[in-house]
Amino acid sequence: MGYFEQFLYGLYPYICLTVFVMATIYRFEREPYTWQASSSQMMRKGNFSWASNVFHLGILGVAGGHVVGLLVPASAFHVLGIPDKAHQMMELFGGGPMGFATLIGLLVLTYRRLFDKRVRRTSDRGDLWIAVLLLVALVLGMATLPESWRTRESGQYLHQLSAWAQNIVLFRPSSALSHLAGVPMVYKLHMLAGMTVFLIFPFTRLVHVCSAPIGYLVQGYYQIVRPAAGRRRATAEDLAQGPGEGSVAAPASPDAQLVAPVRSAKPGETHP
């Protein structure tokens, strides 16, 4: 392996991870108002929500599959009774459809961003670059499926790439490089595109992934209390008049309902 490949697959991963972590934290702390997805769905009359849903569902499946497939040791799968062939088939029939769904959703959204004038005006170069890079990574990932099918019995390349990723995480780059011997170029290009996504992640709208509203799943519920029958809420006009003779003050309890002030009745007049 030449020096350039040693840099790409032995040092470049650490550059990408360092920038990913440090720049993401910096942006969250120093530029919080830029931490958003900048949704453009309202800019288009056509219903493209299905493409957005397909893309997000697919990308979550792809990310989860890569984490499990690359960072979980093969011995853990063996303990669970999952042989190498079954592991490889999980990649093919689980990751393949997820990758295809992500690709379709991203193609539709990218087409919309490029050719819809209103959406294009609200986009910046970073939006287009990250879309193109994700498309390249996805296409290269789908291109690895024939090789994975060819080695479905042994899962050879899956084991090699898994060993590479685990050694990178354990800060053993020399050992990681030794596991890439014989790996087809399409896998290496896919790895390079994926690492570059991590490199530019903090500078794009993808940062909103780190703000997934998981807290909503565990927070307490809200109760809406309706006013009692026969009583009306105070209007802005009532409140502007202020309390007068015979008025009823707003209750101190925050859970009680606010009622309108009631003035004293004149002779021959009744309250509503």
Foldseek 3Di string as FASTA:
>chain_A
DDPVVLCLQQPLLVLLQVLLVPLLVCCVVPPVVLQALLDDCVVDPDDLVVLVVLQVVLVVQLVVLCCCLQAPAPVVCVVVVQDQLNNLVCCQVRNLVSLVSNLSSLVVVLCCCVPPVSNVVSDDPQVNVLSVLVNVLSVLVNVCNVVSVVCSVRSLVSNLNSQLVNCVVVSNSVSSVVSCPPPDVSVVVSVSSVSVCSNCCSVDNNSNVVVPPPVVVPDDDDDDDDDDPPFDAADPVQVVVPADVQFDDADPDPPDGHGGTDHDADVPGDGD
